[in-house]
Amino acid sequence: MLPTPPEHVEGYAWVKSRMSTDAPAAALEFDEETWDAARVALHDKRYLDGGQTVQVTAAVHEESGTVVAFNELVLPSDPTAVSSQEDTLVLKEHRGHRLGMLVKCAGIRSWREVAPQSPKIITYNAEENRPMLDINEAIGFEPVTYEGAWKKVLV
């Protein structure tokens, strides 16, 4: 695996922060999260300290060198367990170029080398995020359950 340039870690942190504001979430509103290289390192450390394997696949805009999309895959400490596809996001200004499909497919293709004994990958999505659901369905994910989210604002 190639070392990650520091600017890409910061870029990943920025795109990760957009998950709290840019991912469709129906009428639910969330406070913007702050991510930086230190928080990414803590995030990764928590997974790794638990014996888990994490892979982040990112798309980098060639002209600017900035991270514009990412996808995360996680394998629990048991190498024969089901893998989990965690966050995937494409920055709003870079949507419409199939980057979500590309980072997901690139991650999944290389995942077999990372987690050869994992039998499958699960993921989750908000029903309101039809573009990402379309991608998931196009690459073979099938719905197995539904859940709801509720929020109470205390004033």
N, C-alpha and C. Protein backbone atom coordinates (compact mmCIF):
# COMPACT_ATOMS: atom_id res chain seq x y z
N MET A 1 0.83 -1.18 0.00
CA MET A 1 0.00 0.00 0.00
C MET A 1 0.88 1.25 0.00
N LEU A 2 0.51 2.23 -0.78
CA LEU A 2 1.29 3.46 -0.88
C LEU A 2 1.04 4.37 0.32
N PRO A 3 2.06 5.10 0.78
CA PRO A 3 1.82 6.06 1.86
C PRO A 3 0.89 7.17 1.37
N THR A 4 0.09 7.68 2.27
CA THR A 4 -0.85 8.74 1.93
C THR A 4 -0.20 10.09 2.16
N PRO A 5 -0.15 10.94 1.11
CA PRO A 5 0.41 12.29 1.31
C PRO A 5 -0.40 13.07 2.34
N PRO A 6 0.25 13.88 3.17
CA PRO A 6 -0.47 14.63 4.21
C PRO A 6 -1.62 15.47 3.66
N GLU A 7 -1.46 16.04 2.48
CA GLU A 7 -2.55 16.86 1.93
C GLU A 7 -3.78 16.02 1.61
N HIS A 8 -3.58 14.73 1.32
CA HIS A 8 -4.73 13.87 1.07
C HIS A 8 -5.42 13.49 2.37
N VAL A 9 -4.68 13.39 3.46
CA VAL A 9 -5.31 13.14 4.76
C VAL A 9 -6.17 14.34 5.12
N GLU A 10 -5.65 15.54 4.96
CA GLU A 10 -6.44 16.74 5.25
C GLU A 10 -7.65 16.83 4.30
N GLY A 11 -7.45 16.45 3.04
CA GLY A 11 -8.55 16.45 2.08
C GLY A 11 -9.63 15.45 2.46
N TYR A 12 -9.20 14.27 2.89
CA TYR A 12 -10.15 13.26 3.36
C TYR A 12 -10.90 13.78 4.58
N ALA A 13 -10.20 14.43 5.49
CA ALA A 13 -10.84 14.99 6.68
C ALA A 13 -11.91 16.01 6.28
N TRP A 14 -11.60 16.85 5.31
CA TRP A 14 -12.58 17.86 4.87
C TRP A 14 -13.80 17.19 4.27
N VAL A 15 -13.59 16.21 3.39
CA VAL A 15 -14.73 15.53 2.76
C VAL A 15 -15.52 14.75 3.82
N LYS A 16 -14.83 14.16 4.78
CA LYS A 16 -15.51 13.44 5.87
C LYS A 16 -16.39 14.41 6.66
N SER A 17 -15.94 15.64 6.86
CA SER A 17 -16.75 16.62 7.58
C SER A 17 -18.04 16.94 6.84
N ARG A 18 -18.04 16.79 5.53
CA ARG A 18 -19.22 17.10 4.73
C ARG A 18 -20.31 16.04 4.89
N MET A 19 -19.97 14.87 5.44
CA MET A 19 -20.99 13.83 5.66
C MET A 19 -22.10 14.36 6.56
N SER A 20 -21.76 15.23 7.49
CA SER A 20 -22.76 15.73 8.44
C SER A 20 -23.69 16.76 7.82
N THR A 21 -23.31 17.35 6.70
CA THR A 21 -24.13 18.41 6.11
C THR A 21 -24.59 18.13 4.69
N ASP A 22 -23.87 17.30 3.96
CA ASP A 22 -24.17 17.13 2.53
C ASP A 22 -24.89 15.84 2.17
N ALA A 23 -24.89 14.85 3.04
CA ALA A 23 -25.57 13.60 2.74
C ALA A 23 -27.07 13.80 2.96
N PRO A 24 -27.91 13.37 2.01
CA PRO A 24 -29.36 13.50 2.20
C PRO A 24 -29.82 12.79 3.47
N ALA A 25 -30.66 13.46 4.26
CA ALA A 25 -31.13 12.90 5.53
C ALA A 25 -32.57 13.29 5.80
N ALA A 26 -33.38 13.35 4.74
CA ALA A 26 -34.79 13.74 4.85
C ALA A 26 -34.87 15.11 5.52
N ALA A 27 -35.73 15.26 6.48
CA ALA A 27 -35.89 16.56 7.14
C ALA A 27 -35.02 16.69 8.38
N LEU A 28 -34.19 15.68 8.66
CA LEU A 28 -33.32 15.75 9.82
C LEU A 28 -32.17 16.71 9.54
N GLU A 29 -31.85 17.52 10.53
CA GLU A 29 -30.71 18.43 10.40
C GLU A 29 -29.66 18.05 11.43
N PHE A 30 -28.40 18.13 11.02
CA PHE A 30 -27.31 17.77 11.90
C PHE A 30 -26.32 18.93 11.96
N ASP A 31 -25.67 19.08 13.10
CA ASP A 31 -24.63 20.09 13.22
C ASP A 31 -23.44 19.66 12.38
N GLU A 32 -22.74 20.63 11.83
CA GLU A 32 -21.55 20.33 11.04
C GLU A 32 -20.47 19.77 11.96
N GLU A 33 -19.88 18.67 11.54
CA GLU A 33 -18.79 18.07 12.30
C GLU A 33 -17.47 18.66 11.82
N THR A 34 -16.51 18.73 12.72
CA THR A 34 -15.18 19.21 12.38
C THR A 34 -14.23 18.03 12.31
N TRP A 35 -13.62 17.84 11.17
CA TRP A 35 -12.64 16.78 10.98
C TRP A 35 -11.33 17.41 10.53
N ASP A 36 -10.22 16.92 11.09
CA ASP A 36 -8.88 17.31 10.67
C ASP A 36 -8.01 16.07 10.71
N ALA A 37 -6.74 16.21 10.40
CA ALA A 37 -5.84 15.05 10.36
C ALA A 37 -5.77 14.35 11.72
N ALA A 38 -5.81 15.10 12.80
CA ALA A 38 -5.75 14.49 14.14
C ALA A 38 -7.00 13.65 14.41
N ARG A 39 -8.16 14.14 14.00
CA ARG A 39 -9.39 13.37 14.22
C ARG A 39 -9.40 12.12 13.33
N VAL A 40 -8.90 12.23 12.10
CA VAL A 40 -8.79 11.06 11.23
C VAL A 40 -7.88 10.02 11.88
N ALA A 41 -6.76 10.46 12.43
CA ALA A 41 -5.82 9.53 13.08
C ALA A 41 -6.49 8.85 14.27
N LEU A 42 -7.26 9.58 15.06
CA LEU A 42 -7.98 8.99 16.20
C LEU A 42 -9.04 8.00 15.72
N HIS A 43 -9.77 8.38 14.70
CA HIS A 43 -10.78 7.52 14.08
C HIS A 43 -10.16 6.20 13.63
N ASP A 44 -9.06 6.30 12.90
CA ASP A 44 -8.37 5.10 12.41
C ASP A 44 -7.83 4.27 13.58
N LYS A 45 -7.26 4.94 14.57
CA LYS A 45 -6.68 4.24 15.73
C LYS A 45 -7.75 3.42 16.45
N ARG A 46 -8.93 3.97 16.60
CA ARG A 46 -10.01 3.24 17.29
C ARG A 46 -10.35 1.95 16.55
N TYR A 47 -10.43 2.02 15.24
CA TYR A 47 -10.69 0.81 14.45
C TYR A 47 -9.53 -0.17 14.60
N LEU A 48 -8.33 0.32 14.39
CA LEU A 48 -7.16 -0.56 14.41
C LEU A 48 -6.90 -1.16 15.79
N ASP A 49 -7.11 -0.38 16.86
CA ASP A 49 -6.96 -0.91 18.22
C ASP A 49 -7.96 -2.02 18.50
N GLY A 50 -9.08 -2.01 17.81
CA GLY A 50 -10.08 -3.06 17.95
C GLY A 50 -9.82 -4.24 17.04
N GLY A 51 -8.67 -4.23 16.36
CA GLY A 51 -8.32 -5.35 15.48
C GLY A 51 -9.02 -5.32 14.14
N GLN A 52 -9.64 -4.21 13.82
CA GLN A 52 -10.36 -4.09 12.55
C GLN A 52 -9.43 -3.60 11.44
N THR A 53 -9.84 -3.86 10.23
CA THR A 53 -9.11 -3.39 9.05
C THR A 53 -9.97 -2.33 8.37
N VAL A 54 -9.35 -1.23 8.01
CA VAL A 54 -10.06 -0.13 7.36
C VAL A 54 -9.37 0.20 6.05
N GLN A 55 -10.18 0.40 5.03
CA GLN A 55 -9.66 0.84 3.73
C GLN A 55 -10.46 2.06 3.28
N VAL A 56 -9.76 3.11 2.93
CA VAL A 56 -10.40 4.30 2.37
C VAL A 56 -9.96 4.41 0.93
N THR A 57 -10.95 4.50 0.03
CA THR A 57 -10.69 4.72 -1.39
C THR A 57 -11.13 6.14 -1.69
N ALA A 58 -10.27 6.91 -2.34
CA ALA A 58 -10.59 8.31 -2.60
C ALA A 58 -10.36 8.67 -4.05
N ALA A 59 -11.11 9.66 -4.50
CA ALA A 59 -10.90 10.26 -5.82
C ALA A 59 -10.28 11.63 -5.59
N VAL A 60 -9.21 11.90 -6.29
CA VAL A 60 -8.49 13.17 -6.16
C VAL A 60 -8.61 13.94 -7.47
N HIS A 61 -9.05 15.17 -7.40
CA HIS A 61 -9.15 16.04 -8.56
C HIS A 61 -7.74 16.35 -9.05
N GLU A 62 -7.44 15.97 -10.28
CA GLU A 62 -6.06 16.08 -10.78
C GLU A 62 -5.55 17.51 -10.81
N GLU A 63 -6.35 18.45 -11.29
CA GLU A 63 -5.88 19.84 -11.42
C GLU A 63 -5.57 20.48 -10.07
N SER A 64 -6.44 20.25 -9.09
CA SER A 64 -6.25 20.91 -7.79
C SER A 64 -5.53 20.03 -6.77
N GLY A 65 -5.53 18.72 -7.00
CA GLY A 65 -4.92 17.79 -6.05
C GLY A 65 -5.76 17.57 -4.80
N THR A 66 -7.03 17.97 -4.82
CA THR A 66 -7.89 17.84 -3.64
C THR A 66 -8.73 16.56 -3.71
N VAL A 67 -9.00 16.00 -2.54
CA VAL A 67 -9.89 14.85 -2.44
C VAL A 67 -11.31 15.34 -2.67
N VAL A 68 -12.04 14.68 -3.57
CA VAL A 68 -13.40 15.11 -3.90
C VAL A 68 -14.44 14.02 -3.64
N ALA A 69 -14.00 12.79 -3.37
CA ALA A 69 -14.92 11.69 -3.08
C ALA A 69 -14.17 10.62 -2.29
N PHE A 70 -14.93 9.86 -1.48
CA PHE A 70 -14.30 8.78 -0.75
C PHE A 70 -15.31 7.70 -0.42
N ASN A 71 -14.78 6.53 -0.09
CA ASN A 71 -15.56 5.38 0.35
C ASN A 71 -14.74 4.64 1.39
N GLU A 72 -15.41 4.14 2.44
CA GLU A 72 -14.73 3.40 3.50
C GLU A 72 -15.27 1.98 3.57
N LEU A 73 -14.37 1.02 3.72
CA LEU A 73 -14.73 -0.37 3.96
C LEU A 73 -14.06 -0.81 5.25
N VAL A 74 -14.78 -1.59 6.07
CA VAL A 74 -14.25 -2.03 7.36
C VAL A 74 -14.49 -3.53 7.52
N LEU A 75 -13.46 -4.22 7.97
CA LEU A 75 -13.54 -5.64 8.32
C LEU A 75 -13.38 -5.76 9.82
N PRO A 76 -14.32 -6.41 10.52
CA PRO A 76 -14.14 -6.62 11.96
C PRO A 76 -12.89 -7.45 12.24
N SER A 77 -12.59 -7.63 13.51
CA SER A 77 -11.37 -8.37 13.87
C SER A 77 -11.38 -9.81 13.39
N ASP A 78 -12.55 -10.40 13.19
CA ASP A 78 -12.66 -11.75 12.66
C ASP A 78 -12.56 -11.67 11.13
N PRO A 79 -11.50 -12.21 10.53
CA PRO A 79 -11.33 -12.07 9.08
C PRO A 79 -12.37 -12.81 8.25
N THR A 80 -13.18 -13.67 8.90
CA THR A 80 -14.23 -14.38 8.17
C THR A 80 -15.59 -13.70 8.33
N ALA A 81 -15.61 -12.57 9.02
CA ALA A 81 -16.87 -11.86 9.28
C ALA A 81 -17.29 -11.03 8.06
N VAL A 82 -18.51 -10.58 8.12
CA VAL A 82 -19.06 -9.70 7.09
C VAL A 82 -18.38 -8.34 7.17
N SER A 83 -18.01 -7.80 6.03
CA SER A 83 -17.42 -6.47 5.97
C SER A 83 -18.53 -5.43 5.93
N SER A 84 -18.19 -4.22 6.30
CA SER A 84 -19.16 -3.13 6.32
C SER A 84 -18.66 -1.98 5.46
N GLN A 85 -19.51 -1.55 4.56
CA GLN A 85 -19.21 -0.35 3.79
C GLN A 85 -19.75 0.82 4.61
N GLU A 86 -18.86 1.68 5.05
CA GLU A 86 -19.24 2.80 5.91
C GLU A 86 -19.56 4.02 5.04
N ASP A 87 -18.99 5.17 5.34
CA ASP A 87 -19.32 6.39 4.63
C ASP A 87 -18.84 6.38 3.18
N THR A 88 -19.66 6.98 2.34
CA THR A 88 -19.30 7.29 0.95
C THR A 88 -19.85 8.67 0.67
N LEU A 89 -19.04 9.54 0.09
CA LEU A 89 -19.53 10.88 -0.24
C LEU A 89 -18.76 11.45 -1.41
N VAL A 90 -19.47 12.18 -2.25
CA VAL A 90 -18.87 12.98 -3.31
C VAL A 90 -19.24 14.43 -2.99
N LEU A 91 -18.25 15.32 -2.99
CA LEU A 91 -18.54 16.74 -2.74
C LEU A 91 -19.57 17.23 -3.74
N LYS A 92 -20.48 18.09 -3.29
CA LYS A 92 -21.58 18.56 -4.13
C LYS A 92 -21.11 19.07 -5.49
N GLU A 93 -20.04 19.84 -5.48
CA GLU A 93 -19.57 20.46 -6.74
C GLU A 93 -18.93 19.46 -7.70
N HIS A 94 -18.75 18.21 -7.28
CA HIS A 94 -18.16 17.20 -8.15
C HIS A 94 -19.12 16.06 -8.46
N ARG A 95 -20.37 16.23 -8.10
CA ARG A 95 -21.37 15.19 -8.37
C ARG A 95 -21.75 15.20 -9.85
N GLY A 96 -22.30 14.07 -10.28
CA GLY A 96 -22.75 13.96 -11.66
C GLY A 96 -21.69 13.40 -12.60
N HIS A 97 -20.56 12.96 -12.06
CA HIS A 97 -19.47 12.41 -12.89
C HIS A 97 -19.19 10.94 -12.56
N ARG A 98 -20.12 10.29 -11.85
CA ARG A 98 -20.01 8.87 -11.49
C ARG A 98 -18.89 8.58 -10.49
N LEU A 99 -18.47 9.59 -9.75
CA LEU A 99 -17.40 9.38 -8.78
C LEU A 99 -17.83 8.47 -7.63
N GLY A 100 -19.08 8.56 -7.21
CA GLY A 100 -19.57 7.68 -6.16
C GLY A 100 -19.47 6.22 -6.60
N MET A 101 -19.89 5.94 -7.81
CA MET A 101 -19.79 4.59 -8.37
C MET A 101 -18.33 4.17 -8.47
N LEU A 102 -17.48 5.07 -8.92
CA LEU A 102 -16.07 4.73 -9.12
C LEU A 102 -15.36 4.42 -7.80
N VAL A 103 -15.56 5.24 -6.76
CA VAL A 103 -14.86 4.96 -5.50
C VAL A 103 -15.40 3.70 -4.84
N LYS A 104 -16.71 3.47 -4.95
CA LYS A 104 -17.27 2.24 -4.38
C LYS A 104 -16.73 1.02 -5.10
N CYS A 105 -16.78 1.04 -6.42
CA CYS A 105 -16.32 -0.13 -7.20
C CYS A 105 -14.82 -0.36 -7.02
N ALA A 106 -14.04 0.69 -7.03
CA ALA A 106 -12.58 0.53 -6.84
C ALA A 106 -12.30 -0.07 -5.46
N GLY A 107 -12.99 0.41 -4.44
CA GLY A 107 -12.80 -0.14 -3.10
C GLY A 107 -13.20 -1.60 -3.02
N ILE A 108 -14.34 -1.93 -3.58
CA ILE A 108 -14.82 -3.31 -3.53
C ILE A 108 -13.89 -4.23 -4.31
N ARG A 109 -13.43 -3.78 -5.47
CA ARG A 109 -12.52 -4.63 -6.28
C ARG A 109 -11.24 -4.95 -5.51
N SER A 110 -10.68 -3.98 -4.82
CA SER A 110 -9.44 -4.24 -4.09
C SER A 110 -9.68 -4.90 -2.74
N TRP A 111 -10.92 -4.87 -2.26
CA TRP A 111 -11.25 -5.43 -0.95
C TRP A 111 -10.99 -6.93 -0.89
N ARG A 112 -11.16 -7.63 -1.96
CA ARG A 112 -10.93 -9.07 -1.98
C ARG A 112 -9.48 -9.38 -1.60
N GLU A 113 -8.54 -8.52 -1.98
CA GLU A 113 -7.14 -8.70 -1.59
C GLU A 113 -6.94 -8.39 -0.11
N VAL A 114 -7.66 -7.41 0.40
CA VAL A 114 -7.53 -6.99 1.79
C VAL A 114 -8.23 -7.98 2.73
N ALA A 115 -9.41 -8.43 2.33
CA ALA A 115 -10.25 -9.28 3.18
C ALA A 115 -10.71 -10.52 2.41
N PRO A 116 -9.79 -11.40 2.04
CA PRO A 116 -10.16 -12.53 1.17
C PRO A 116 -11.15 -13.51 1.78
N GLN A 117 -11.26 -13.54 3.11
CA GLN A 117 -12.16 -14.50 3.76
C GLN A 117 -13.54 -13.91 4.10
N SER A 118 -13.68 -12.63 3.93
CA SER A 118 -14.96 -12.00 4.25
C SER A 118 -15.98 -12.38 3.18
N PRO A 119 -17.13 -12.95 3.58
CA PRO A 119 -18.07 -13.49 2.60
C PRO A 119 -18.91 -12.45 1.87
N LYS A 120 -19.11 -11.28 2.48
CA LYS A 120 -19.94 -10.27 1.84
C LYS A 120 -19.71 -8.91 2.49
N ILE A 121 -20.29 -7.91 1.84
CA ILE A 121 -20.22 -6.53 2.33
C ILE A 121 -21.64 -6.04 2.54
N ILE A 122 -21.89 -5.43 3.69
CA ILE A 122 -23.19 -4.80 3.92
C ILE A 122 -23.00 -3.28 3.88
N THR A 123 -24.07 -2.59 3.56
CA THR A 123 -24.06 -1.14 3.57
C THR A 123 -25.43 -0.65 3.99
N TYR A 124 -25.57 0.63 4.15
CA TYR A 124 -26.84 1.22 4.55
C TYR A 124 -26.96 2.58 3.89
N ASN A 125 -28.17 3.03 3.71
CA ASN A 125 -28.42 4.32 3.09
C ASN A 125 -29.78 4.86 3.46
N ALA A 126 -29.89 6.17 3.47
CA ALA A 126 -31.19 6.81 3.66
C ALA A 126 -32.01 6.64 2.38
N GLU A 127 -33.28 6.35 2.53
CA GLU A 127 -34.16 6.21 1.36
C GLU A 127 -34.16 7.50 0.54
N GLU A 128 -33.93 8.63 1.19
CA GLU A 128 -33.91 9.92 0.48
C GLU A 128 -32.69 10.08 -0.41
N ASN A 129 -31.70 9.22 -0.23
CA ASN A 129 -30.47 9.33 -1.02
C ASN A 129 -30.57 8.40 -2.24
N ARG A 130 -31.52 8.69 -3.10
CA ARG A 130 -31.76 7.85 -4.26
C ARG A 130 -30.53 7.72 -5.17
N PRO A 131 -29.72 8.76 -5.39
CA PRO A 131 -28.53 8.56 -6.23
C PRO A 131 -27.60 7.48 -5.69
N MET A 132 -27.38 7.45 -4.37
CA MET A 132 -26.49 6.44 -3.81
C MET A 132 -27.16 5.08 -3.79
N LEU A 133 -28.46 5.03 -3.56
CA LEU A 133 -29.18 3.76 -3.63
C LEU A 133 -29.12 3.18 -5.04
N ASP A 134 -29.24 4.05 -6.05
CA ASP A 134 -29.13 3.59 -7.44
C ASP A 134 -27.76 2.97 -7.70
N ILE A 135 -26.72 3.59 -7.16
CA ILE A 135 -25.36 3.03 -7.31
C ILE A 135 -25.28 1.67 -6.62
N ASN A 136 -25.75 1.60 -5.37
CA ASN A 136 -25.71 0.33 -4.65
C ASN A 136 -26.44 -0.77 -5.41
N GLU A 137 -27.62 -0.47 -5.92
CA GLU A 137 -28.39 -1.46 -6.66
C GLU A 137 -27.70 -1.85 -7.96
N ALA A 138 -27.10 -0.88 -8.64
CA ALA A 138 -26.42 -1.16 -9.91
C ALA A 138 -25.22 -2.09 -9.73
N ILE A 139 -24.57 -2.03 -8.57
CA ILE A 139 -23.40 -2.90 -8.38
C ILE A 139 -23.73 -4.17 -7.60
N GLY A 140 -25.03 -4.40 -7.36
CA GLY A 140 -25.45 -5.70 -6.84
C GLY A 140 -25.88 -5.77 -5.39
N PHE A 141 -25.90 -4.66 -4.67
CA PHE A 141 -26.42 -4.70 -3.30
C PHE A 141 -27.93 -4.89 -3.36
N GLU A 142 -28.46 -5.64 -2.40
CA GLU A 142 -29.89 -5.89 -2.33
C GLU A 142 -30.41 -5.49 -0.95
N PRO A 143 -31.59 -4.87 -0.88
CA PRO A 143 -32.14 -4.50 0.43
C PRO A 143 -32.46 -5.75 1.24
N VAL A 144 -32.14 -5.70 2.54
CA VAL A 144 -32.46 -6.82 3.42
C VAL A 144 -33.27 -6.37 4.64
N THR A 145 -33.23 -5.09 4.97
CA THR A 145 -34.00 -4.58 6.10
C THR A 145 -34.17 -3.07 5.96
N TYR A 146 -35.08 -2.55 6.73
CA TYR A 146 -35.31 -1.11 6.77
C TYR A 146 -35.32 -0.68 8.22
N GLU A 147 -34.88 0.55 8.47
CA GLU A 147 -34.96 1.10 9.82
C GLU A 147 -35.29 2.57 9.72
N GLY A 148 -35.78 3.13 10.79
CA GLY A 148 -36.14 4.53 10.82
C GLY A 148 -35.26 5.30 11.77
N ALA A 149 -35.22 6.59 11.58
CA ALA A 149 -34.47 7.47 12.47
C ALA A 149 -35.41 8.54 12.99
N TRP A 150 -35.28 8.83 14.27
CA TRP A 150 -36.09 9.85 14.91
C TRP A 150 -35.15 10.84 15.60
N LYS A 151 -35.62 12.06 15.69
CA LYS A 151 -34.81 13.08 16.35
C LYS A 151 -35.73 13.96 17.18
N LYS A 152 -35.32 14.24 18.40
CA LYS A 152 -36.05 15.17 19.27
C LYS A 152 -35.11 16.31 19.59
N VAL A 153 -35.55 17.50 19.30
CA VAL A 153 -34.77 18.68 19.60
C VAL A 153 -35.22 19.21 20.95
N LEU A 154 -34.28 19.34 21.87
CA LEU A 154 -34.57 19.86 23.20
C LEU A 154 -34.31 21.36 23.21
N VAL A 155 -35.28 22.09 23.67
CA VAL A 155 -35.12 23.56 23.72
C VAL A 155 -35.10 24.07 25.12
